[in-house]
Amino acid sequence: MSDLVIIAYDSEAIAESARQKLLELKKEYLIEIGDAVVAVRQPDGTVKLNQLINMTATGAATGGMWGALIGMLFLNPLLGAALGAGAGALSGRYTDIGIDDQFMKDATAALTPGQAALCVLVRKVTADKVLPAMATFGGKVLRTNLTIEQETKLQDALKSTQA
């Protein structure tokens, strides 16, 4: 079972730094992440999601490749690549993996303009090593599906750096 953790930060830069640290910890096999998205409250009140994987670009690249291959069968690989890239980009745009986008936007509604939140779907974690590393960024837990005991430990670790 995966755990969802959403932590609010004062700026997008801090949230991005925290995500980069999580990715470093992932390379050390201390955490296994299902998804890590930075949600940023824009000045106009909307929420922009900085996804870990750009599905539109991935879809366009994959569609372009398959379109070119199919286009070769009909002796027109350029047209096939263009149509495939367009179809792939369109399908990638509407594909959602990991944490539901609308859920993240709703969960980060309490942010003020300029603030950001790191939304992480954690599969496995070595908490005694990851918590101190992530506590250096501070932040406030907005939402989680952790147990009360685990959430309290996380909240205490984040507060200890702010004091």
N, C-alpha and C. Protein backbone atom coordinates (compact mmCIF):
# COMPACT_ATOMS: atom_id res chain seq x y z
N MET A 1 0.84 -1.18 0.00
CA MET A 1 0.00 0.00 0.00
C MET A 1 0.88 1.24 0.00
N SER A 2 0.48 2.23 -0.75
CA SER A 2 1.22 3.49 -0.83
C SER A 2 0.67 4.50 0.16
N ASP A 3 1.55 5.39 0.59
CA ASP A 3 1.15 6.47 1.49
C ASP A 3 1.23 7.79 0.75
N LEU A 4 0.24 8.64 0.96
CA LEU A 4 0.21 9.96 0.35
C LEU A 4 0.60 10.99 1.39
N VAL A 5 1.53 11.87 1.02
CA VAL A 5 1.96 12.95 1.91
C VAL A 5 1.98 14.24 1.10
N ILE A 6 1.32 15.28 1.59
CA ILE A 6 1.33 16.59 0.94
C ILE A 6 1.86 17.60 1.95
N ILE A 7 3.00 18.21 1.62
CA ILE A 7 3.66 19.16 2.51
C ILE A 7 3.71 20.52 1.83
N ALA A 8 3.27 21.56 2.54
CA ALA A 8 3.26 22.93 2.02
C ALA A 8 4.59 23.61 2.35
N TYR A 9 5.07 24.41 1.39
CA TYR A 9 6.29 25.20 1.56
C TYR A 9 6.01 26.64 1.19
N ASP A 10 6.89 27.54 1.62
CA ASP A 10 6.70 28.97 1.37
C ASP A 10 6.92 29.37 -0.09
N SER A 11 7.70 28.57 -0.84
CA SER A 11 7.96 28.94 -2.23
C SER A 11 8.12 27.69 -3.10
N GLU A 12 8.02 27.91 -4.38
CA GLU A 12 8.19 26.83 -5.36
C GLU A 12 9.62 26.30 -5.32
N ALA A 13 10.59 27.19 -5.10
CA ALA A 13 12.00 26.79 -5.09
C ALA A 13 12.28 25.80 -3.96
N ILE A 14 11.70 26.03 -2.79
CA ILE A 14 11.91 25.11 -1.66
C ILE A 14 11.25 23.76 -1.97
N ALA A 15 10.05 23.79 -2.52
CA ALA A 15 9.36 22.54 -2.86
C ALA A 15 10.13 21.75 -3.91
N GLU A 16 10.68 22.43 -4.91
CA GLU A 16 11.48 21.76 -5.94
C GLU A 16 12.76 21.18 -5.34
N SER A 17 13.39 21.91 -4.41
CA SER A 17 14.59 21.40 -3.74
C SER A 17 14.27 20.15 -2.93
N ALA A 18 13.12 20.17 -2.26
CA ALA A 18 12.71 19.00 -1.48
C ALA A 18 12.46 17.81 -2.40
N ARG A 19 11.85 18.05 -3.56
CA ARG A 19 11.62 16.95 -4.50
C ARG A 19 12.94 16.40 -5.02
N GLN A 20 13.90 17.29 -5.31
CA GLN A 20 15.22 16.83 -5.78
C GLN A 20 15.90 15.99 -4.71
N LYS A 21 15.75 16.38 -3.45
CA LYS A 21 16.34 15.60 -2.36
C LYS A 21 15.70 14.22 -2.29
N LEU A 22 14.38 14.15 -2.48
CA LEU A 22 13.70 12.86 -2.49
C LEU A 22 14.23 11.98 -3.62
N LEU A 23 14.48 12.58 -4.78
CA LEU A 23 15.01 11.81 -5.91
C LEU A 23 16.43 11.32 -5.62
N GLU A 24 17.22 12.11 -4.90
CA GLU A 24 18.56 11.67 -4.48
C GLU A 24 18.45 10.49 -3.52
N LEU A 25 17.51 10.59 -2.57
CA LEU A 25 17.30 9.52 -1.61
C LEU A 25 16.80 8.25 -2.30
N LYS A 26 16.06 8.43 -3.38
CA LYS A 26 15.58 7.29 -4.17
C LYS A 26 16.76 6.56 -4.80
N LYS A 27 17.76 7.31 -5.26
CA LYS A 27 18.95 6.69 -5.87
C LYS A 27 19.75 5.90 -4.83
N GLU A 28 19.60 6.27 -3.57
CA GLU A 28 20.28 5.56 -2.48
C GLU A 28 19.42 4.42 -1.93
N TYR A 29 18.28 4.16 -2.57
CA TYR A 29 17.36 3.10 -2.20
C TYR A 29 16.80 3.26 -0.78
N LEU A 30 16.62 4.51 -0.36
CA LEU A 30 16.04 4.79 0.96
C LEU A 30 14.54 5.04 0.87
N ILE A 31 14.06 5.33 -0.34
CA ILE A 31 12.64 5.59 -0.53
C ILE A 31 12.25 5.12 -1.93
N GLU A 32 11.04 4.60 -2.03
CA GLU A 32 10.48 4.21 -3.31
C GLU A 32 9.26 5.09 -3.56
N ILE A 33 9.32 5.87 -4.62
CA ILE A 33 8.29 6.88 -4.90
C ILE A 33 7.41 6.44 -6.06
N GLY A 34 6.10 6.57 -5.87
CA GLY A 34 5.15 6.32 -6.96
C GLY A 34 4.96 7.56 -7.81
N ASP A 35 4.97 8.72 -7.18
CA ASP A 35 4.80 10.00 -7.87
C ASP A 35 5.27 11.11 -6.95
N ALA A 36 5.79 12.17 -7.53
CA ALA A 36 6.21 13.35 -6.75
C ALA A 36 5.91 14.58 -7.60
N VAL A 37 4.92 15.35 -7.17
CA VAL A 37 4.45 16.51 -7.95
C VAL A 37 4.55 17.76 -7.08
N VAL A 38 5.00 18.85 -7.68
CA VAL A 38 5.01 20.14 -6.99
C VAL A 38 3.81 20.93 -7.50
N ALA A 39 2.91 21.30 -6.58
CA ALA A 39 1.74 22.10 -6.90
C ALA A 39 2.00 23.53 -6.46
N VAL A 40 1.88 24.47 -7.39
CA VAL A 40 2.20 25.87 -7.10
C VAL A 40 0.95 26.72 -7.27
N ARG A 41 0.63 27.52 -6.25
CA ARG A 41 -0.49 28.45 -6.34
C ARG A 41 -0.02 29.69 -7.11
N GLN A 42 -0.65 29.96 -8.23
CA GLN A 42 -0.31 31.09 -9.09
C GLN A 42 -0.93 32.39 -8.55
N PRO A 43 -0.41 33.54 -8.96
CA PRO A 43 -0.98 34.82 -8.51
C PRO A 43 -2.47 34.98 -8.85
N ASP A 44 -2.92 34.34 -9.96
CA ASP A 44 -4.33 34.45 -10.33
C ASP A 44 -5.22 33.46 -9.58
N GLY A 45 -4.63 32.66 -8.67
CA GLY A 45 -5.40 31.74 -7.84
C GLY A 45 -5.45 30.32 -8.35
N THR A 46 -5.00 30.07 -9.58
CA THR A 46 -5.01 28.71 -10.11
C THR A 46 -3.82 27.92 -9.55
N VAL A 47 -3.90 26.62 -9.66
CA VAL A 47 -2.82 25.75 -9.20
C VAL A 47 -2.15 25.12 -10.41
N LYS A 48 -0.83 25.32 -10.51
CA LYS A 48 -0.04 24.72 -11.59
C LYS A 48 0.67 23.50 -11.02
N LEU A 49 0.59 22.38 -11.74
CA LEU A 49 1.22 21.14 -11.30
C LEU A 49 2.49 20.90 -12.10
N ASN A 50 3.62 20.78 -11.41
CA ASN A 50 4.89 20.44 -12.04
C ASN A 50 5.08 18.94 -11.88
N GLN A 51 4.67 18.20 -12.90
CA GLN A 51 4.71 16.74 -12.84
C GLN A 51 6.14 16.22 -12.97
N LEU A 52 6.37 15.05 -12.44
CA LEU A 52 7.67 14.40 -12.55
C LEU A 52 7.89 13.93 -13.99
N ILE A 53 6.83 13.46 -14.63
CA ILE A 53 6.89 12.99 -16.01
C ILE A 53 5.91 13.80 -16.84
N ASN A 54 6.40 14.41 -17.94
CA ASN A 54 5.54 15.17 -18.84
C ASN A 54 4.89 14.19 -19.81
N MET A 55 3.65 13.82 -19.55
CA MET A 55 2.96 12.82 -20.36
C MET A 55 2.69 13.30 -21.78
N THR A 56 2.50 14.61 -21.98
CA THR A 56 2.25 15.13 -23.32
C THR A 56 3.48 14.92 -24.20
N ALA A 57 4.66 15.28 -23.69
CA ALA A 57 5.89 15.11 -24.46
C ALA A 57 6.20 13.64 -24.68
N THR A 58 6.00 12.81 -23.67
CA THR A 58 6.24 11.38 -23.80
C THR A 58 5.31 10.78 -24.85
N GLY A 59 4.04 11.18 -24.81
CA GLY A 59 3.07 10.69 -25.79
C GLY A 59 3.41 11.11 -27.20
N ALA A 60 3.87 12.36 -27.35
CA ALA A 60 4.23 12.86 -28.68
C ALA A 60 5.43 12.09 -29.23
N ALA A 61 6.43 11.84 -28.40
CA ALA A 61 7.62 11.11 -28.86
C ALA A 61 7.27 9.67 -29.25
N THR A 62 6.50 9.01 -28.40
CA THR A 62 6.11 7.63 -28.68
C THR A 62 5.21 7.57 -29.91
N GLY A 63 4.24 8.48 -29.98
CA GLY A 63 3.34 8.50 -31.14
C GLY A 63 4.07 8.81 -32.43
N GLY A 64 5.05 9.71 -32.37
CA GLY A 64 5.83 10.04 -33.56
C GLY A 64 6.61 8.85 -34.06
N MET A 65 7.18 8.09 -33.13
CA MET A 65 7.95 6.91 -33.53
C MET A 65 7.04 5.86 -34.18
N TRP A 66 5.92 5.56 -33.51
CA TRP A 66 5.00 4.58 -34.08
C TRP A 66 4.37 5.07 -35.39
N GLY A 67 4.09 6.37 -35.45
CA GLY A 67 3.53 6.93 -36.68
C GLY A 67 4.51 6.82 -37.84
N ALA A 68 5.79 7.06 -37.59
CA ALA A 68 6.80 6.93 -38.65
C ALA A 68 6.92 5.49 -39.11
N LEU A 69 6.88 4.55 -38.17
CA LEU A 69 6.96 3.13 -38.55
C LEU A 69 5.76 2.71 -39.39
N ILE A 70 4.57 3.12 -38.96
CA ILE A 70 3.37 2.78 -39.73
C ILE A 70 3.37 3.53 -41.05
N GLY A 71 3.86 4.78 -41.04
CA GLY A 71 3.95 5.56 -42.27
C GLY A 71 4.85 4.93 -43.30
N MET A 72 5.89 4.23 -42.84
CA MET A 72 6.79 3.55 -43.78
C MET A 72 6.07 2.46 -44.56
N LEU A 73 5.08 1.83 -43.91
CA LEU A 73 4.30 0.81 -44.61
C LEU A 73 3.51 1.41 -45.78
N PHE A 74 3.09 2.65 -45.62
CA PHE A 74 2.30 3.32 -46.66
C PHE A 74 3.14 4.29 -47.47
N LEU A 75 4.47 4.18 -47.34
CA LEU A 75 5.44 4.98 -48.10
C LEU A 75 5.34 6.48 -47.83
N ASN A 76 4.94 6.85 -46.61
CA ASN A 76 4.88 8.26 -46.25
C ASN A 76 5.20 8.40 -44.75
N PRO A 77 6.50 8.19 -44.38
CA PRO A 77 6.84 8.20 -42.96
C PRO A 77 6.71 9.57 -42.30
N LEU A 78 6.90 10.66 -43.04
CA LEU A 78 6.80 11.99 -42.44
C LEU A 78 5.37 12.31 -42.02
N LEU A 79 4.42 11.99 -42.90
CA LEU A 79 3.02 12.21 -42.56
C LEU A 79 2.61 11.32 -41.39
N GLY A 80 3.08 10.08 -41.41
CA GLY A 80 2.78 9.15 -40.32
C GLY A 80 3.35 9.64 -39.01
N ALA A 81 4.59 10.16 -39.04
CA ALA A 81 5.22 10.66 -37.82
C ALA A 81 4.46 11.87 -37.28
N ALA A 82 4.05 12.77 -38.18
CA ALA A 82 3.32 13.96 -37.75
C ALA A 82 1.97 13.59 -37.14
N LEU A 83 1.24 12.71 -37.80
CA LEU A 83 -0.06 12.29 -37.27
C LEU A 83 0.11 11.51 -35.96
N GLY A 84 1.12 10.65 -35.91
CA GLY A 84 1.38 9.88 -34.70
C GLY A 84 1.77 10.77 -33.54
N ALA A 85 2.61 11.78 -33.79
CA ALA A 85 3.03 12.70 -32.73
C ALA A 85 1.84 13.49 -32.21
N GLY A 86 0.99 13.94 -33.12
CA GLY A 86 -0.20 14.68 -32.70
C GLY A 86 -1.14 13.82 -31.88
N ALA A 87 -1.39 12.61 -32.33
CA ALA A 87 -2.27 11.70 -31.59
C ALA A 87 -1.66 11.32 -30.26
N GLY A 88 -0.35 11.09 -30.24
CA GLY A 88 0.33 10.73 -28.99
C GLY A 88 0.30 11.87 -27.99
N ALA A 89 0.53 13.10 -28.47
CA ALA A 89 0.49 14.26 -27.57
C ALA A 89 -0.90 14.45 -26.99
N LEU A 90 -1.91 14.26 -27.82
CA LEU A 90 -3.29 14.41 -27.36
C LEU A 90 -3.64 13.34 -26.32
N SER A 91 -3.25 12.11 -26.59
CA SER A 91 -3.55 11.05 -25.62
C SER A 91 -2.73 11.23 -24.34
N GLY A 92 -1.48 11.69 -24.46
CA GLY A 92 -0.64 11.94 -23.29
C GLY A 92 -1.19 13.06 -22.43
N ARG A 93 -1.78 14.05 -23.07
CA ARG A 93 -2.35 15.20 -22.36
C ARG A 93 -3.46 14.77 -21.41
N TYR A 94 -4.21 13.75 -21.82
CA TYR A 94 -5.35 13.31 -21.02
C TYR A 94 -5.06 12.04 -20.21
N THR A 95 -3.81 11.62 -20.19
CA THR A 95 -3.41 10.46 -19.40
C THR A 95 -2.91 10.94 -18.05
N ASP A 96 -3.33 10.27 -16.99
CA ASP A 96 -2.90 10.66 -15.65
C ASP A 96 -2.36 9.42 -14.94
N ILE A 97 -1.12 9.51 -14.48
CA ILE A 97 -0.55 8.42 -13.71
C ILE A 97 -0.21 8.96 -12.32
N GLY A 98 -0.14 8.09 -11.35
CA GLY A 98 0.20 8.53 -10.00
C GLY A 98 -0.98 9.17 -9.30
N ILE A 99 -0.72 10.29 -8.67
CA ILE A 99 -1.74 11.00 -7.89
C ILE A 99 -2.69 11.73 -8.83
N ASP A 100 -3.97 11.65 -8.55
CA ASP A 100 -4.99 12.31 -9.38
C ASP A 100 -4.79 13.83 -9.36
N ASP A 101 -4.75 14.43 -10.54
CA ASP A 101 -4.50 15.87 -10.66
C ASP A 101 -5.54 16.71 -9.93
N GLN A 102 -6.81 16.38 -10.11
CA GLN A 102 -7.87 17.17 -9.47
C GLN A 102 -7.79 17.06 -7.96
N PHE A 103 -7.42 15.89 -7.45
CA PHE A 103 -7.26 15.71 -6.00
C PHE A 103 -6.16 16.64 -5.49
N MET A 104 -5.03 16.72 -6.21
CA MET A 104 -3.93 17.59 -5.78
C MET A 104 -4.35 19.06 -5.79
N LYS A 105 -5.09 19.45 -6.81
CA LYS A 105 -5.55 20.84 -6.88
C LYS A 105 -6.50 21.16 -5.72
N ASP A 106 -7.38 20.24 -5.40
CA ASP A 106 -8.29 20.44 -4.28
C ASP A 106 -7.55 20.46 -2.95
N ALA A 107 -6.57 19.56 -2.80
CA ALA A 107 -5.84 19.45 -1.53
C ALA A 107 -4.96 20.66 -1.27
N THR A 108 -4.53 21.34 -2.31
CA THR A 108 -3.66 22.50 -2.15
C THR A 108 -4.42 23.82 -2.25
N ALA A 109 -5.73 23.77 -2.11
CA ALA A 109 -6.55 24.98 -2.21
C ALA A 109 -6.24 25.98 -1.09
N ALA A 110 -5.69 25.52 0.02
CA ALA A 110 -5.41 26.41 1.16
C ALA A 110 -4.14 27.23 0.96
N LEU A 111 -3.37 26.94 -0.06
CA LEU A 111 -2.13 27.69 -0.30
C LEU A 111 -2.44 29.12 -0.72
N THR A 112 -1.56 30.04 -0.34
CA THR A 112 -1.68 31.42 -0.81
C THR A 112 -0.81 31.57 -2.06
N PRO A 113 -1.06 32.58 -2.89
CA PRO A 113 -0.25 32.77 -4.10
C PRO A 113 1.24 32.83 -3.77
N GLY A 114 2.01 32.06 -4.56
CA GLY A 114 3.45 31.99 -4.35
C GLY A 114 3.88 30.78 -3.54
N GLN A 115 2.97 30.23 -2.75
CA GLN A 115 3.30 29.04 -1.98
C GLN A 115 3.22 27.81 -2.88
N ALA A 116 3.87 26.73 -2.43
CA ALA A 116 3.87 25.49 -3.19
C ALA A 116 3.73 24.32 -2.23
N ALA A 117 3.33 23.18 -2.78
CA ALA A 117 3.22 21.97 -1.97
C ALA A 117 3.86 20.82 -2.73
N LEU A 118 4.52 19.96 -2.00
CA LEU A 118 5.10 18.75 -2.58
C LEU A 118 4.15 17.60 -2.26
N CYS A 119 3.61 17.00 -3.31
CA CYS A 119 2.68 15.89 -3.18
C CYS A 119 3.43 14.61 -3.54
N VAL A 120 3.58 13.71 -2.59
CA VAL A 120 4.39 12.51 -2.80
C VAL A 120 3.57 11.26 -2.50
N LEU A 121 3.66 10.30 -3.41
CA LEU A 121 3.08 8.99 -3.21
C LEU A 121 4.23 8.05 -2.89
N VAL A 122 4.31 7.64 -1.63
CA VAL A 122 5.45 6.84 -1.14
C VAL A 122 5.04 5.37 -1.08
N ARG A 123 5.83 4.53 -1.74
CA ARG A 123 5.56 3.09 -1.69
C ARG A 123 6.28 2.43 -0.51
N LYS A 124 7.57 2.72 -0.39
CA LYS A 124 8.38 2.18 0.71
C LYS A 124 9.33 3.28 1.18
N VAL A 125 9.66 3.26 2.47
CA VAL A 125 10.55 4.29 2.99
C VAL A 125 11.33 3.77 4.20
N THR A 126 12.57 4.19 4.29
CA THR A 126 13.37 3.97 5.49
C THR A 126 13.27 5.27 6.26
N ALA A 127 12.24 5.36 7.10
CA ALA A 127 11.85 6.62 7.73
C ALA A 127 12.95 7.24 8.59
N ASP A 128 13.71 6.42 9.31
CA ASP A 128 14.72 6.99 10.20
C ASP A 128 15.85 7.70 9.46
N LYS A 129 16.01 7.44 8.17
CA LYS A 129 17.03 8.13 7.39
C LYS A 129 16.43 9.23 6.50
N VAL A 130 15.22 9.02 6.03
CA VAL A 130 14.59 9.99 5.13
C VAL A 130 14.05 11.20 5.89
N LEU A 131 13.44 10.98 7.05
CA LEU A 131 12.87 12.09 7.82
C LEU A 131 13.88 13.19 8.16
N PRO A 132 15.05 12.86 8.70
CA PRO A 132 16.01 13.93 8.99
C PRO A 132 16.48 14.69 7.74
N ALA A 133 16.61 13.98 6.63
CA ALA A 133 17.05 14.63 5.40
C ALA A 133 15.98 15.59 4.87
N MET A 134 14.72 15.21 4.99
CA MET A 134 13.63 16.05 4.49
C MET A 134 13.26 17.15 5.48
N ALA A 135 13.56 16.95 6.74
CA ALA A 135 13.22 17.94 7.77
C ALA A 135 13.98 19.24 7.57
N THR A 136 15.11 19.21 6.88
CA THR A 136 15.89 20.43 6.66
C THR A 136 15.12 21.46 5.83
N PHE A 137 14.11 21.03 5.10
CA PHE A 137 13.33 21.94 4.26
C PHE A 137 12.16 22.57 5.02
N GLY A 138 11.86 22.05 6.20
CA GLY A 138 10.74 22.59 6.96
C GLY A 138 9.43 22.20 6.30
N GLY A 139 8.46 23.09 6.36
CA GLY A 139 7.16 22.84 5.74
C GLY A 139 6.10 22.47 6.74
N LYS A 140 4.88 22.33 6.23
CA LYS A 140 3.73 22.00 7.06
C LYS A 140 2.92 20.92 6.35
N VAL A 141 2.55 19.89 7.07
CA VAL A 141 1.78 18.80 6.48
C VAL A 141 0.36 19.29 6.22
N LEU A 142 -0.06 19.22 4.95
CA LEU A 142 -1.42 19.62 4.59
C LEU A 142 -2.38 18.44 4.66
N ARG A 143 -1.93 17.32 4.10
CA ARG A 143 -2.80 16.15 4.05
C ARG A 143 -1.94 14.89 3.97
N THR A 144 -2.42 13.83 4.57
CA THR A 144 -1.72 12.56 4.54
C THR A 144 -2.68 11.43 4.87
N ASN A 145 -2.31 10.22 4.47
CA ASN A 145 -3.10 9.05 4.87
C ASN A 145 -2.28 8.16 5.80
N LEU A 146 -1.26 8.76 6.44
CA LEU A 146 -0.45 8.05 7.42
C LEU A 146 -1.25 7.81 8.70
N THR A 147 -0.76 6.92 9.53
CA THR A 147 -1.39 6.74 10.83
C THR A 147 -1.14 7.99 11.66
N ILE A 148 -1.90 8.17 12.72
CA ILE A 148 -1.75 9.35 13.57
C ILE A 148 -0.34 9.42 14.15
N GLU A 149 0.19 8.27 14.55
CA GLU A 149 1.54 8.22 15.11
C GLU A 149 2.60 8.64 14.08
N GLN A 150 2.47 8.12 12.85
CA GLN A 150 3.42 8.47 11.79
C GLN A 150 3.31 9.94 11.41
N GLU A 151 2.08 10.43 11.34
CA GLU A 151 1.87 11.84 10.99
C GLU A 151 2.45 12.76 12.07
N THR A 152 2.31 12.39 13.32
CA THR A 152 2.86 13.18 14.42
C THR A 152 4.38 13.23 14.33
N LYS A 153 5.02 12.09 14.03
CA LYS A 153 6.48 12.06 13.87
C LYS A 153 6.92 12.97 12.73
N LEU A 154 6.18 12.92 11.63
CA LEU A 154 6.52 13.77 10.48
C LEU A 154 6.35 15.24 10.83
N GLN A 155 5.24 15.58 11.45
CA GLN A 155 4.98 16.97 11.85
C GLN A 155 6.05 17.48 12.82
N ASP A 156 6.43 16.64 13.79
CA ASP A 156 7.48 17.03 14.76
C ASP A 156 8.82 17.24 14.08
N ALA A 157 9.14 16.37 13.13
CA ALA A 157 10.43 16.51 12.42
C ALA A 157 10.47 17.82 11.62
N LEU A 158 9.34 18.17 10.99
CA LEU A 158 9.30 19.41 10.21
C LEU A 158 9.35 20.64 11.13
N LYS A 159 8.70 20.56 12.29
CA LYS A 159 8.68 21.69 13.22
C LYS A 159 10.04 21.92 13.86
N SER A 160 10.81 20.85 14.05
CA SER A 160 12.10 20.99 14.73
C SER A 160 13.07 21.87 13.95
N THR A 161 12.94 21.93 12.63
CA THR A 161 13.83 22.78 11.83
C THR A 161 13.36 24.22 11.81
N GLN A 162 12.07 24.43 12.03
CA GLN A 162 11.54 25.79 11.99
C GLN A 162 11.78 26.52 13.31
N ALA A 163 12.02 25.80 14.38
CA ALA A 163 12.20 26.42 15.69
C ALA A 163 13.55 27.08 15.85
